[in-house]
Amino acid sequence: MRIGELAAQTGMSKDTLRFYEKIGLVEGDRLANGYRDFAPEMVTWLHYVRTAQVLGFSLAEIIEHGDQLRDAPDSAEALSALLAGKVGVIDQRMAELAALRADLTTRIGTGCPLRPVGQPAPAMS
């Protein structure tokens, strides 16, 4: 199928599809007239890509695990492992954000919120 049809079936722009091809996320053959020709399976793959992005996966992560995802997109075991890894990343980030929030909260109303915590104010001359 040509790029316009793939765009219509996936709800993605032609520019997005060209970008995805450039970074290796999708592959298409070139016809003698220079047009791109994509396999019908690309529609399903691009729906997986869109879902993975909604679930917080970056394009780099999708490319990194592309073969695993493409070869077994319905494999609960393979996908569950990837999702568990993403949950771990989110948990780590949430802990970092909680620590940052606590630090910010302790600095509110301290007169000089940018002074290192526990450091006394400099003496005025």
PDB file of N, CA and C in Angstrom:
ATOM      1  N   MET A   1       0.850  -1.173   0.000  1.00  0.00           N
ATOM      2  CA  MET A   1       0.000   0.000   0.000  1.00  0.00           C
ATOM      3  C   MET A   1       0.890   1.227   0.000  1.00  0.00           C
ATOM      4  N   ARG A   2       0.414   2.280  -0.595  1.00  0.00           N
ATOM      5  CA  ARG A   2       1.187   3.509  -0.667  1.00  0.00           C
ATOM      6  C   ARG A   2       1.046   4.295   0.621  1.00  0.00           C
ATOM      7  N   ILE A   3       1.909   5.286   0.768  1.00  0.00           N
ATOM      8  CA  ILE A   3       2.003   6.027   2.022  1.00  0.00           C
ATOM      9  C   ILE A   3       0.706   6.746   2.378  1.00  0.00           C
ATOM     10  N   GLY A   4      -0.009   7.263   1.394  1.00  0.00           N
ATOM     11  CA  GLY A   4      -1.265   7.953   1.675  1.00  0.00           C
ATOM     12  C   GLY A   4      -2.305   7.020   2.263  1.00  0.00           C
ATOM     13  N   GLU A   5      -2.376   5.814   1.745  1.00  0.00           N
ATOM     14  CA  GLU A   5      -3.330   4.829   2.269  1.00  0.00           C
ATOM     15  C   GLU A   5      -2.937   4.406   3.681  1.00  0.00           C
ATOM     16  N   LEU A   6      -1.628   4.205   3.905  1.00  0.00           N
ATOM     17  CA  LEU A   6      -1.165   3.846   5.244  1.00  0.00           C
ATOM     18  C   LEU A   6      -1.471   4.977   6.230  1.00  0.00           C
ATOM     19  N   ALA A   7      -1.267   6.200   5.805  1.00  0.00           N
ATOM     20  CA  ALA A   7      -1.580   7.350   6.657  1.00  0.00           C
ATOM     21  C   ALA A   7      -3.065   7.371   7.000  1.00  0.00           C
ATOM     22  N   ALA A   8      -3.900   7.142   6.015  1.00  0.00           N
ATOM     23  CA  ALA A   8      -5.349   7.157   6.241  1.00  0.00           C
ATOM     24  C   ALA A   8      -5.772   6.042   7.203  1.00  0.00           C
ATOM     25  N   GLN A   9      -5.185   4.871   7.060  1.00  0.00           N
ATOM     26  CA  GLN A   9      -5.585   3.730   7.893  1.00  0.00           C
ATOM     27  C   GLN A   9      -5.059   3.816   9.320  1.00  0.00           C
ATOM     28  N   THR A  10      -3.981   4.571   9.523  1.00  0.00           N
ATOM     29  CA  THR A  10      -3.403   4.663  10.866  1.00  0.00           C
ATOM     30  C   THR A  10      -3.707   5.979  11.565  1.00  0.00           C
ATOM     31  N   GLY A  11      -4.198   6.965  10.815  1.00  0.00           N
ATOM     32  CA  GLY A  11      -4.448   8.275  11.400  1.00  0.00           C
ATOM     33  C   GLY A  11      -3.173   9.072  11.618  1.00  0.00           C
ATOM     34  N   MET A  12      -2.095   8.654  10.985  1.00  0.00           N
ATOM     35  CA  MET A  12      -0.816   9.356  11.088  1.00  0.00           C
ATOM     36  C   MET A  12      -0.585  10.154   9.812  1.00  0.00           C
ATOM     37  N   SER A  13       0.206  11.182   9.928  1.00  0.00           N
ATOM     38  CA  SER A  13       0.501  11.980   8.739  1.00  0.00           C
ATOM     39  C   SER A  13       1.562  11.294   7.888  1.00  0.00           C
ATOM     40  N   LYS A  14       1.620  11.687   6.632  1.00  0.00           N
ATOM     41  CA  LYS A  14       2.659  11.168   5.745  1.00  0.00           C
ATOM     42  C   LYS A  14       4.034  11.553   6.261  1.00  0.00           C
ATOM     43  N   ASP A  15       4.146  12.768   6.794  1.00  0.00           N
ATOM     44  CA  ASP A  15       5.425  13.211   7.341  1.00  0.00           C
ATOM     45  C   ASP A  15       5.865  12.324   8.510  1.00  0.00           C
ATOM     46  N   THR A  16       4.920  11.954   9.366  1.00  0.00           N
ATOM     47  CA  THR A  16       5.239  11.061  10.483  1.00  0.00           C
ATOM     48  C   THR A  16       5.734   9.727   9.957  1.00  0.00           C
ATOM     49  N   LEU A  17       5.043   9.195   8.965  1.00  0.00           N
ATOM     50  CA  LEU A  17       5.441   7.910   8.404  1.00  0.00           C
ATOM     51  C   LEU A  17       6.809   7.986   7.743  1.00  0.00           C
ATOM     52  N   ARG A  18       7.092   9.091   7.064  1.00  0.00           N
ATOM     53  CA  ARG A  18       8.420   9.268   6.458  1.00  0.00           C
ATOM     54  C   ARG A  18       9.491   9.330   7.548  1.00  0.00           C
ATOM     55  N   PHE A  19       9.190  10.034   8.642  1.00  0.00           N
ATOM     56  CA  PHE A  19      10.126  10.114   9.758  1.00  0.00           C
ATOM     57  C   PHE A  19      10.348   8.726  10.361  1.00  0.00           C
ATOM     58  N   TYR A  20       9.263   7.993  10.588  1.00  0.00           N
ATOM     59  CA  TYR A  20       9.381   6.640  11.136  1.00  0.00           C
ATOM     60  C   TYR A  20      10.218   5.752  10.226  1.00  0.00           C
ATOM     61  N   GLU A  21      10.068   5.924   8.928  1.00  0.00           N
ATOM     62  CA  GLU A  21      10.875   5.147   7.993  1.00  0.00           C
ATOM     63  C   GLU A  21      12.345   5.555   8.107  1.00  0.00           C
ATOM     64  N   LYS A  22      12.589   6.835   8.226  1.00  0.00           N
ATOM     65  CA  LYS A  22      13.964   7.353   8.315  1.00  0.00           C
ATOM     66  C   LYS A  22      14.685   6.805   9.540  1.00  0.00           C
ATOM     67  N   ILE A  23      13.976   6.681  10.663  1.00  0.00           N
ATOM     68  CA  ILE A  23      14.615   6.197  11.892  1.00  0.00           C
ATOM     69  C   ILE A  23      14.547   4.679  12.032  1.00  0.00           C
ATOM     70  N   GLY A  24      13.948   4.013  11.047  1.00  0.00           N
ATOM     71  CA  GLY A  24      13.932   2.557  11.047  1.00  0.00           C
ATOM     72  C   GLY A  24      12.772   1.917  11.775  1.00  0.00           C
ATOM     73  N   LEU A  25      11.769   2.685  12.100  1.00  0.00           N
ATOM     74  CA  LEU A  25      10.613   2.142  12.810  1.00  0.00           C
ATOM     75  C   LEU A  25       9.678   1.396  11.870  1.00  0.00           C
ATOM     76  N   VAL A  26       9.580   1.851  10.637  1.00  0.00           N
ATOM     77  CA  VAL A  26       8.801   1.154   9.610  1.00  0.00           C
ATOM     78  C   VAL A  26       9.675   0.973   8.378  1.00  0.00           C
ATOM     79  N   GLU A  27       9.330  -0.022   7.622  1.00  0.00           N
ATOM     80  CA  GLU A  27      10.068  -0.306   6.388  1.00  0.00           C
ATOM     81  C   GLU A  27       9.090  -0.392   5.235  1.00  0.00           C
ATOM     82  N   GLY A  28       9.491   0.182   4.138  1.00  0.00           N
ATOM     83  CA  GLY A  28       8.701   0.087   2.924  1.00  0.00           C
ATOM     84  C   GLY A  28       9.615  -0.154   1.745  1.00  0.00           C
ATOM     85  N   ASP A  29       9.097  -0.787   0.751  1.00  0.00           N
ATOM     86  CA  ASP A  29       9.857  -1.002  -0.475  1.00  0.00           C
ATOM     87  C   ASP A  29       9.661   0.204  -1.378  1.00  0.00           C
ATOM     88  N   ARG A  30      10.586   0.386  -2.283  1.00  0.00           N
ATOM     89  CA  ARG A  30      10.442   1.436  -3.289  1.00  0.00           C
ATOM     90  C   ARG A  30      10.022   0.788  -4.594  1.00  0.00           C
ATOM     91  N   LEU A  31       8.951   1.305  -5.155  1.00  0.00           N
ATOM     92  CA  LEU A  31       8.486   0.830  -6.451  1.00  0.00           C
ATOM     93  C   LEU A  31       9.333   1.462  -7.549  1.00  0.00           C
ATOM     94  N   ALA A  32       9.213   0.960  -8.759  1.00  0.00           N
ATOM     95  CA  ALA A  32       9.989   1.478  -9.889  1.00  0.00           C
ATOM     96  C   ALA A  32       9.749   2.968 -10.098  1.00  0.00           C
ATOM     97  N   ASN A  33       8.550   3.440  -9.780  1.00  0.00           N
ATOM     98  CA  ASN A  33       8.235   4.853  -9.951  1.00  0.00           C
ATOM     99  C   ASN A  33       8.700   5.709  -8.763  1.00  0.00           C
ATOM    100  N   GLY A  34       9.365   5.093  -7.767  1.00  0.00           N
ATOM    101  CA  GLY A  34       9.887   5.813  -6.612  1.00  0.00           C
ATOM    102  C   GLY A  34       8.929   5.907  -5.429  1.00  0.00           C
ATOM    103  N   TYR A  35       7.685   5.473  -5.624  1.00  0.00           N
ATOM    104  CA  TYR A  35       6.719   5.512  -4.522  1.00  0.00           C
ATOM    105  C   TYR A  35       7.081   4.465  -3.467  1.00  0.00           C
ATOM    106  N   ARG A  36       6.712   4.776  -2.235  1.00  0.00           N
ATOM    107  CA  ARG A  36       6.881   3.805  -1.154  1.00  0.00           C
ATOM    108  C   ARG A  36       5.749   2.799  -1.222  1.00  0.00           C
ATOM    109  N   ASP A  37       6.073   1.560  -0.883  1.00  0.00           N
ATOM    110  CA  ASP A  37       5.069   0.500  -0.836  1.00  0.00           C
ATOM    111  C   ASP A  37       5.212  -0.209   0.503  1.00  0.00           C
ATOM    112  N   PHE A  38       4.169  -0.110   1.322  1.00  0.00           N
ATOM    113  CA  PHE A  38       4.201  -0.707   2.654  1.00  0.00           C
ATOM    114  C   PHE A  38       3.322  -1.949   2.694  1.00  0.00           C
ATOM    115  N   ALA A  39       3.774  -2.943   3.446  1.00  0.00           N
ATOM    116  CA  ALA A  39       2.997  -4.168   3.628  1.00  0.00           C
ATOM    117  C   ALA A  39       1.771  -3.857   4.481  1.00  0.00           C
ATOM    118  N   PRO A  40       0.685  -4.575   4.267  1.00  0.00           N
ATOM    119  CA  PRO A  40      -0.535  -4.346   5.063  1.00  0.00           C
ATOM    120  C   PRO A  40      -0.295  -4.519   6.570  1.00  0.00           C
ATOM    121  N   GLU A  41       0.686  -5.336   6.950  1.00  0.00           N
ATOM    122  CA  GLU A  41       0.980  -5.566   8.364  1.00  0.00           C
ATOM    123  C   GLU A  41       1.471  -4.300   9.072  1.00  0.00           C
ATOM    124  N   MET A  42       1.910  -3.312   8.296  1.00  0.00           N
ATOM    125  CA  MET A  42       2.383  -2.065   8.887  1.00  0.00           C
ATOM    126  C   MET A  42       1.264  -1.346   9.638  1.00  0.00           C
ATOM    127  N   VAL A  43       0.021  -1.528   9.207  1.00  0.00           N
ATOM    128  CA  VAL A  43      -1.107  -0.884   9.902  1.00  0.00           C
ATOM    129  C   VAL A  43      -1.159  -1.380  11.345  1.00  0.00           C
ATOM    130  N   THR A  44      -1.118  -2.688  11.525  1.00  0.00           N
ATOM    131  CA  THR A  44      -1.156  -3.272  12.872  1.00  0.00           C
ATOM    132  C   THR A  44       0.056  -2.829  13.674  1.00  0.00           C
ATOM    133  N   TRP A  45       1.233  -2.877  13.058  1.00  0.00           N
ATOM    134  CA  TRP A  45       2.454  -2.479  13.743  1.00  0.00           C
ATOM    135  C   TRP A  45       2.367  -1.026  14.208  1.00  0.00           C
ATOM    136  N   LEU A  46       1.867  -0.134  13.368  1.00  0.00           N
ATOM    137  CA  LEU A  46       1.783   1.273  13.742  1.00  0.00           C
ATOM    138  C   LEU A  46       0.756   1.513  14.843  1.00  0.00           C
ATOM    139  N   HIS A  47      -0.276   0.684  14.899  1.00  0.00           N
ATOM    140  CA  HIS A  47      -1.217   0.773  16.022  1.00  0.00           C
ATOM    141  C   HIS A  47      -0.513   0.366  17.321  1.00  0.00           C
ATOM    142  N   TYR A  48       0.344  -0.654  17.258  1.00  0.00           N
ATOM    143  CA  TYR A  48       1.135  -1.043  18.427  1.00  0.00           C
ATOM    144  C   TYR A  48       2.075   0.084  18.836  1.00  0.00           C
ATOM    145  N   VAL A  49       2.699   0.714  17.852  1.00  0.00           N
ATOM    146  CA  VAL A  49       3.611   1.824  18.134  1.00  0.00           C
ATOM    147  C   VAL A  49       2.867   2.935  18.854  1.00  0.00           C
ATOM    148  N   ARG A  50       1.714   3.301  18.353  1.00  0.00           N
ATOM    149  CA  ARG A  50       0.922   4.370  18.971  1.00  0.00           C
ATOM    150  C   ARG A  50       0.543   3.988  20.402  1.00  0.00           C
ATOM    151  N   THR A  51       0.124   2.754  20.624  1.00  0.00           N
ATOM    152  CA  THR A  51      -0.239   2.301  21.971  1.00  0.00           C
ATOM    153  C   THR A  51       0.971   2.331  22.891  1.00  0.00           C
ATOM    154  N   ALA A  52       2.120   1.878  22.390  1.00  0.00           N
ATOM    155  CA  ALA A  52       3.342   1.893  23.202  1.00  0.00           C
ATOM    156  C   ALA A  52       3.704   3.319  23.606  1.00  0.00           C
ATOM    157  N   GLN A  53       3.525   4.270  22.699  1.00  0.00           N
ATOM    158  CA  GLN A  53       3.808   5.665  23.030  1.00  0.00           C
ATOM    159  C   GLN A  53       2.863   6.166  24.112  1.00  0.00           C
ATOM    160  N   VAL A  54       1.587   5.825  24.008  1.00  0.00           N
ATOM    161  CA  VAL A  54       0.609   6.234  25.018  1.00  0.00           C
ATOM    162  C   VAL A  54       0.984   5.653  26.385  1.00  0.00           C
ATOM    163  N   LEU A  55       1.592   4.453  26.385  1.00  0.00           N
ATOM    164  CA  LEU A  55       1.995   3.809  27.630  1.00  0.00           C
ATOM    165  C   LEU A  55       3.339   4.311  28.148  1.00  0.00           C
ATOM    166  N   GLY A  56       3.898   5.318  27.473  1.00  0.00           N
ATOM    167  CA  GLY A  56       5.102   5.954  27.980  1.00  0.00           C
ATOM    168  C   GLY A  56       6.406   5.498  27.360  1.00  0.00           C
ATOM    169  N   PHE A  57       6.356   4.658  26.352  1.00  0.00           N
ATOM    170  CA  PHE A  57       7.579   4.221  25.692  1.00  0.00           C
ATOM    171  C   PHE A  57       8.024   5.272  24.686  1.00  0.00           C
ATOM    172  N   SER A  58       9.307   5.567  24.683  1.00  0.00           N
ATOM    173  CA  SER A  58       9.851   6.510  23.708  1.00  0.00           C
ATOM    174  C   SER A  58      10.043   5.789  22.376  1.00  0.00           C
ATOM    175  N   LEU A  59      10.215   6.557  21.319  1.00  0.00           N
ATOM    176  CA  LEU A  59      10.489   5.943  20.022  1.00  0.00           C
ATOM    177  C   LEU A  59      11.779   5.130  20.077  1.00  0.00           C
ATOM    178  N   ALA A  60      12.768   5.624  20.813  1.00  0.00           N
ATOM    179  CA  ALA A  60      14.031   4.888  20.946  1.00  0.00           C
ATOM    180  C   ALA A  60      13.798   3.528  21.603  1.00  0.00           C
ATOM    181  N   GLU A  61      12.959   3.489  22.626  1.00  0.00           N
ATOM    182  CA  GLU A  61      12.656   2.211  23.284  1.00  0.00           C
ATOM    183  C   GLU A  61      11.882   1.288  22.354  1.00  0.00           C
ATOM    184  N   ILE A  62      10.968   1.848  21.592  1.00  0.00           N
ATOM    185  CA  ILE A  62      10.182   1.036  20.661  1.00  0.00           C
ATOM    186  C   ILE A  62      11.099   0.453  19.585  1.00  0.00           C
ATOM    187  N   ILE A  63      12.025   1.267  19.089  1.00  0.00           N
ATOM    188  CA  ILE A  63      12.976   0.776  18.094  1.00  0.00           C
ATOM    189  C   ILE A  63      13.861  -0.308  18.710  1.00  0.00           C
ATOM    190  N   GLU A  64      14.336  -0.071  19.927  1.00  0.00           N
ATOM    191  CA  GLU A  64      15.214  -1.027  20.604  1.00  0.00           C
ATOM    192  C   GLU A  64      14.545  -2.390  20.751  1.00  0.00           C
ATOM    193  N   HIS A  65      13.256  -2.380  21.078  1.00  0.00           N
ATOM    194  CA  HIS A  65      12.524  -3.631  21.305  1.00  0.00           C
ATOM    195  C   HIS A  65      11.637  -3.993  20.121  1.00  0.00           C
ATOM    196  N   GLY A  66      11.839  -3.314  18.999  1.00  0.00           N
ATOM    197  CA  GLY A  66      10.972  -3.502  17.840  1.00  0.00           C
ATOM    198  C   GLY A  66      10.862  -4.927  17.359  1.00  0.00           C
ATOM    199  N   ASP A  67      11.981  -5.620  17.230  1.00  0.00           N
ATOM    200  CA  ASP A  67      11.929  -7.003  16.757  1.00  0.00           C
ATOM    201  C   ASP A  67      11.127  -7.867  17.716  1.00  0.00           C
ATOM    202  N   GLN A  68      11.360  -7.682  18.998  1.00  0.00           N
ATOM    203  CA  GLN A  68      10.636  -8.455  20.008  1.00  0.00           C
ATOM    204  C   GLN A  68       9.135  -8.163  19.933  1.00  0.00           C
ATOM    205  N   LEU A  69       8.793  -6.906  19.782  1.00  0.00           N
ATOM    206  CA  LEU A  69       7.385  -6.528  19.711  1.00  0.00           C
ATOM    207  C   LEU A  69       6.749  -6.972  18.392  1.00  0.00           C
ATOM    208  N   ARG A  70       7.488  -6.812  17.311  1.00  0.00           N
ATOM    209  CA  ARG A  70       6.955  -7.128  15.990  1.00  0.00           C
ATOM    210  C   ARG A  70       6.776  -8.635  15.807  1.00  0.00           C
ATOM    211  N   ASP A  71       7.734  -9.406  16.327  1.00  0.00           N
ATOM    212  CA  ASP A  71       7.673 -10.858  16.156  1.00  0.00           C
ATOM    213  C   ASP A  71       6.598 -11.501  17.013  1.00  0.00           C
ATOM    214  N   ALA A  72       6.312 -10.900  18.151  1.00  0.00           N
ATOM    215  CA  ALA A  72       5.320 -11.501  19.039  1.00  0.00           C
ATOM    216  C   ALA A  72       4.488 -10.411  19.703  1.00  0.00           C
ATOM    217  N   PRO A  73       3.762  -9.607  18.914  1.00  0.00           N
ATOM    218  CA  PRO A  73       3.040  -8.483  19.512  1.00  0.00           C
ATOM    219  C   PRO A  73       1.944  -8.901  20.483  1.00  0.00           C
ATOM    220  N   ASP A  74       1.491 -10.145  20.394  1.00  0.00           N
ATOM    221  CA  ASP A  74       0.446 -10.589  21.308  1.00  0.00           C
ATOM    222  C   ASP A  74       0.995 -11.502  22.400  1.00  0.00           C
ATOM    223  N   SER A  75       2.314 -11.591  22.506  1.00  0.00           N
ATOM    224  CA  SER A  75       2.936 -12.438  23.507  1.00  0.00           C
ATOM    225  C   SER A  75       2.834 -11.774  24.871  1.00  0.00           C
ATOM    226  N   ALA A  76       1.995 -12.315  25.705  1.00  0.00           N
ATOM    227  CA  ALA A  76       1.796 -11.743  27.032  1.00  0.00           C
ATOM    228  C   ALA A  76       3.092 -11.748  27.826  1.00  0.00           C
ATOM    229  N   GLU A  77       3.894 -12.789  27.676  1.00  0.00           N
ATOM    230  CA  GLU A  77       5.136 -12.899  28.441  1.00  0.00           C
ATOM    231  C   GLU A  77       6.128 -11.814  28.035  1.00  0.00           C
ATOM    232  N   ALA A  78       6.371 -11.673  26.742  1.00  0.00           N
ATOM    233  CA  ALA A  78       7.336 -10.683  26.262  1.00  0.00           C
ATOM    234  C   ALA A  78       6.872  -9.270  26.588  1.00  0.00           C
ATOM    235  N   LEU A  79       5.622  -8.986  26.344  1.00  0.00           N
ATOM    236  CA  LEU A  79       5.107  -7.642  26.602  1.00  0.00           C
ATOM    237  C   LEU A  79       5.019  -7.348  28.089  1.00  0.00           C
ATOM    238  N   SER A  80       4.669  -8.344  28.874  1.00  0.00           N
ATOM    239  CA  SER A  80       4.590  -8.145  30.323  1.00  0.00           C
ATOM    240  C   SER A  80       5.954  -7.774  30.895  1.00  0.00           C
ATOM    241  N   ALA A  81       7.017  -8.382  30.383  1.00  0.00           N
ATOM    242  CA  ALA A  81       8.363  -8.054  30.852  1.00  0.00           C
ATOM    243  C   ALA A  81       8.706  -6.599  30.517  1.00  0.00           C
ATOM    244  N   LEU A  82       8.375  -6.166  29.304  1.00  0.00           N
ATOM    245  CA  LEU A  82       8.635  -4.777  28.922  1.00  0.00           C
ATOM    246  C   LEU A  82       7.815  -3.813  29.772  1.00  0.00           C
ATOM    247  N   LEU A  83       6.558  -4.152  30.011  1.00  0.00           N
ATOM    248  CA  LEU A  83       5.698  -3.288  30.815  1.00  0.00           C
ATOM    249  C   LEU A  83       6.184  -3.229  32.262  1.00  0.00           C
ATOM    250  N   ALA A  84       6.643  -4.358  32.791  1.00  0.00           N
ATOM    251  CA  ALA A  84       7.167  -4.379  34.159  1.00  0.00           C
ATOM    252  C   ALA A  84       8.400  -3.485  34.265  1.00  0.00           C
ATOM    253  N   GLY A  85       9.232  -3.516  33.260  1.00  0.00           N
ATOM    254  CA  GLY A  85      10.400  -2.631  33.244  1.00  0.00           C
ATOM    255  C   GLY A  85       9.997  -1.173  33.243  1.00  0.00           C
ATOM    256  N   LYS A  86       8.975  -0.843  32.473  1.00  0.00           N
ATOM    257  CA  LYS A  86       8.494   0.545  32.412  1.00  0.00           C
ATOM    258  C   LYS A  86       7.897   0.948  33.758  1.00  0.00           C
ATOM    259  N   VAL A  87       7.192   0.042  34.433  1.00  0.00           N
ATOM    260  CA  VAL A  87       6.647   0.336  35.761  1.00  0.00           C
ATOM    261  C   VAL A  87       7.785   0.645  36.729  1.00  0.00           C
ATOM    262  N   GLY A  88       8.889  -0.097  36.635  1.00  0.00           N
ATOM    263  CA  GLY A  88      10.048   0.167  37.485  1.00  0.00           C
ATOM    264  C   GLY A  88      10.628   1.551  37.248  1.00  0.00           C
ATOM    265  N   VAL A  89      10.705   1.965  35.993  1.00  0.00           N
ATOM    266  CA  VAL A  89      11.205   3.298  35.653  1.00  0.00           C
ATOM    267  C   VAL A  89      10.277   4.359  36.234  1.00  0.00           C
ATOM    268  N   ILE A  90       8.985   4.139  36.113  1.00  0.00           N
ATOM    269  CA  ILE A  90       8.006   5.101  36.633  1.00  0.00           C
ATOM    270  C   ILE A  90       8.098   5.173  38.149  1.00  0.00           C
ATOM    271  N   ASP A  91       8.225   4.024  38.818  1.00  0.00           N
ATOM    272  CA  ASP A  91       8.351   4.011  40.281  1.00  0.00           C
ATOM    273  C   ASP A  91       9.582   4.787  40.728  1.00  0.00           C
ATOM    274  N   GLN A  92      10.706   4.600  40.016  1.00  0.00           N
ATOM    275  CA  GLN A  92      11.935   5.320  40.352  1.00  0.00           C
ATOM    276  C   GLN A  92      11.735   6.821  40.171  1.00  0.00           C
ATOM    277  N   ARG A  93      11.118   7.200  39.076  1.00  0.00           N
ATOM    278  CA  ARG A  93      10.885   8.627  38.811  1.00  0.00           C
ATOM    279  C   ARG A  93       9.934   9.223  39.852  1.00  0.00           C
ATOM    280  N   MET A  94       8.912   8.447  40.255  1.00  0.00           N
ATOM    281  CA  MET A  94       7.989   8.936  41.281  1.00  0.00           C
ATOM    282  C   MET A  94       8.710   9.149  42.603  1.00  0.00           C
ATOM    283  N   ALA A  95       9.643   8.262  42.947  1.00  0.00           N
ATOM    284  CA  ALA A  95      10.413   8.424  44.185  1.00  0.00           C
ATOM    285  C   ALA A  95      11.278   9.683  44.104  1.00  0.00           C
ATOM    286  N   GLU A  96      11.902   9.902  42.944  1.00  0.00           N
ATOM    287  CA  GLU A  96      12.715  11.107  42.757  1.00  0.00           C
ATOM    288  C   GLU A  96      11.854  12.360  42.873  1.00  0.00           C
ATOM    289  N   LEU A  97      10.665  12.325  42.285  1.00  0.00           N
ATOM    290  CA  LEU A  97       9.774  13.484  42.363  1.00  0.00           C
ATOM    291  C   LEU A  97       9.276  13.708  43.784  1.00  0.00           C
ATOM    292  N   ALA A  98       9.013  12.641  44.528  1.00  0.00           N
ATOM    293  CA  ALA A  98       8.577  12.776  45.926  1.00  0.00           C
ATOM    294  C   ALA A  98       9.683  13.412  46.759  1.00  0.00           C
ATOM    295  N   ALA A  99      10.937  13.011  46.522  1.00  0.00           N
ATOM    296  CA  ALA A  99      12.064  13.603  47.251  1.00  0.00           C
ATOM    297  C   ALA A  99      12.213  15.081  46.895  1.00  0.00           C
ATOM    298  N   LEU A 100      12.072  15.406  45.615  1.00  0.00           N
ATOM    299  CA  LEU A 100      12.141  16.798  45.190  1.00  0.00           C
ATOM    300  C   LEU A 100      11.031  17.610  45.824  1.00  0.00           C
ATOM    301  N   ARG A 101       9.825  17.048  45.861  1.00  0.00           N
ATOM    302  CA  ARG A 101       8.682  17.744  46.474  1.00  0.00           C
ATOM    303  C   ARG A 101       8.943  18.006  47.942  1.00  0.00           C
ATOM    304  N   ALA A 102       9.473  17.021  48.642  1.00  0.00           N
ATOM    305  CA  ALA A 102       9.758  17.184  50.071  1.00  0.00           C
ATOM    306  C   ALA A 102      10.804  18.278  50.281  1.00  0.00           C
ATOM    307  N   ASP A 103      11.825  18.306  49.436  1.00  0.00           N
ATOM    308  CA  ASP A 103      12.865  19.334  49.542  1.00  0.00           C
ATOM    309  C   ASP A 103      12.265  20.721  49.305  1.00  0.00           C
ATOM    310  N   LEU A 104      11.457  20.841  48.274  1.00  0.00           N
ATOM    311  CA  LEU A 104      10.821  22.131  47.985  1.00  0.00           C
ATOM    312  C   LEU A 104       9.932  22.573  49.138  1.00  0.00           C
ATOM    313  N   THR A 105       9.181  21.648  49.697  1.00  0.00           N
ATOM    314  CA  THR A 105       8.267  21.957  50.792  1.00  0.00           C
ATOM    315  C   THR A 105       9.030  22.476  52.009  1.00  0.00           C
ATOM    316  N   THR A 106      10.187  21.887  52.314  1.00  0.00           N
ATOM    317  CA  THR A 106      10.959  22.344  53.479  1.00  0.00           C
ATOM    318  C   THR A 106      11.542  23.734  53.259  1.00  0.00           C
ATOM    319  N   ARG A 107      11.682  24.155  52.033  1.00  0.00           N
ATOM    320  CA  ARG A 107      12.276  25.460  51.728  1.00  0.00           C
ATOM    321  C   ARG A 107      11.248  26.595  51.691  1.00  0.00           C
ATOM    322  N   ILE A 108       9.988  26.258  51.641  1.00  0.00           N
ATOM    323  CA  ILE A 108       8.952  27.290  51.566  1.00  0.00           C
ATOM    324  C   ILE A 108       8.944  28.103  52.859  1.00  0.00           C
ATOM    325  N   GLY A 109       8.987  29.419  52.722  1.00  0.00           N
ATOM    326  CA  GLY A 109       8.908  30.320  53.878  1.00  0.00           C
ATOM    327  C   GLY A 109      10.175  30.370  54.711  1.00  0.00           C
ATOM    328  N   THR A 110      11.323  30.001  54.160  1.00  0.00           N
ATOM    329  CA  THR A 110      12.560  29.985  54.948  1.00  0.00           C
ATOM    330  C   THR A 110      13.378  31.254  54.800  1.00  0.00           C
ATOM    331  N   GLY A 111      12.899  32.255  54.150  1.00  0.00           N
ATOM    332  CA  GLY A 111      13.651  33.497  54.011  1.00  0.00           C
ATOM    333  C   GLY A 111      14.597  33.476  52.822  1.00  0.00           C
ATOM    334  N   CYS A 112      15.330  32.413  52.667  1.00  0.00           N
ATOM    335  CA  CYS A 112      16.235  32.275  51.514  1.00  0.00           C
ATOM    336  C   CYS A 112      16.150  30.829  51.037  1.00  0.00           C
ATOM    337  N   PRO A 113      15.155  30.545  50.229  1.00  0.00           N
ATOM    338  CA  PRO A 113      14.902  29.157  49.830  1.00  0.00           C
ATOM    339  C   PRO A 113      16.027  28.488  49.041  1.00  0.00           C
ATOM    340  N   LEU A 114      16.974  29.270  48.507  1.00  0.00           N
ATOM    341  CA  LEU A 114      18.040  28.660  47.713  1.00  0.00           C
ATOM    342  C   LEU A 114      19.283  28.335  48.537  1.00  0.00           C
ATOM    343  N   ARG A 115      19.314  28.739  49.802  1.00  0.00           N
ATOM    344  CA  ARG A 115      20.438  28.407  50.687  1.00  0.00           C
ATOM    345  C   ARG A 115      20.382  26.907  50.967  1.00  0.00           C
ATOM    346  N   PRO A 116      21.536  26.254  51.009  1.00  0.00           N
ATOM    347  CA  PRO A 116      21.527  24.824  51.348  1.00  0.00           C
ATOM    348  C   PRO A 116      20.820  24.587  52.671  1.00  0.00           C
ATOM    349  N   VAL A 117      20.026  23.545  52.736  1.00  0.00           N
ATOM    350  CA  VAL A 117      19.256  23.230  53.933  1.00  0.00           C
ATOM    351  C   VAL A 117      20.210  23.002  55.101  1.00  0.00           C
ATOM    352  N   GLY A 118      19.909  23.628  56.224  1.00  0.00           N
ATOM    353  CA  GLY A 118      20.720  23.476  57.426  1.00  0.00           C
ATOM    354  C   GLY A 118      21.838  24.496  57.547  1.00  0.00           C
ATOM    355  N   GLN A 119      22.102  25.253  56.525  1.00  0.00           N
ATOM    356  CA  GLN A 119      23.168  26.278  56.577  1.00  0.00           C
ATOM    357  C   GLN A 119      22.583  27.557  57.174  1.00  0.00           C
ATOM    358  N   PRO A 120      23.254  28.116  58.182  1.00  0.00           N
ATOM    359  CA  PRO A 120      22.726  29.347  58.785  1.00  0.00           C
ATOM    360  C   PRO A 120      22.866  30.528  57.837  1.00  0.00           C
ATOM    361  N   ALA A 121      22.047  31.519  58.037  1.00  0.00           N
ATOM    362  CA  ALA A 121      22.121  32.743  57.242  1.00  0.00           C
ATOM    363  C   ALA A 121      23.415  33.468  57.556  1.00  0.00           C
ATOM    364  N   PRO A 122      24.032  34.076  56.549  1.00  0.00           N
ATOM    365  CA  PRO A 122      25.275  34.816  56.802  1.00  0.00           C
ATOM    366  C   PRO A 122      25.011  36.010  57.726  1.00  0.00           C
ATOM    367  N   ALA A 123      26.021  36.345  58.550  1.00  0.00           N
ATOM    368  CA  ALA A 123      25.899  37.472  59.491  1.00  0.00           C
ATOM    369  C   ALA A 123      25.910  38.778  58.690  1.00  0.00           C
ATOM    370  N   MET A 124      25.051  39.677  59.088  1.00  0.00           N
ATOM    371  CA  MET A 124      24.981  40.986  58.442  1.00  0.00           C
ATOM    372  C   MET A 124      25.968  41.916  59.123  1.00  0.00           C
ATOM    373  N   SER A 125      26.723  42.714  58.368  1.00  0.00           N
ATOM    374  CA  SER A 125      27.684  43.646  58.965  1.00  0.00           C
ATOM    375  C   SER A 125      27.081  45.012  59.116  1.00  0.00           C
TER     376      SER A 125
END
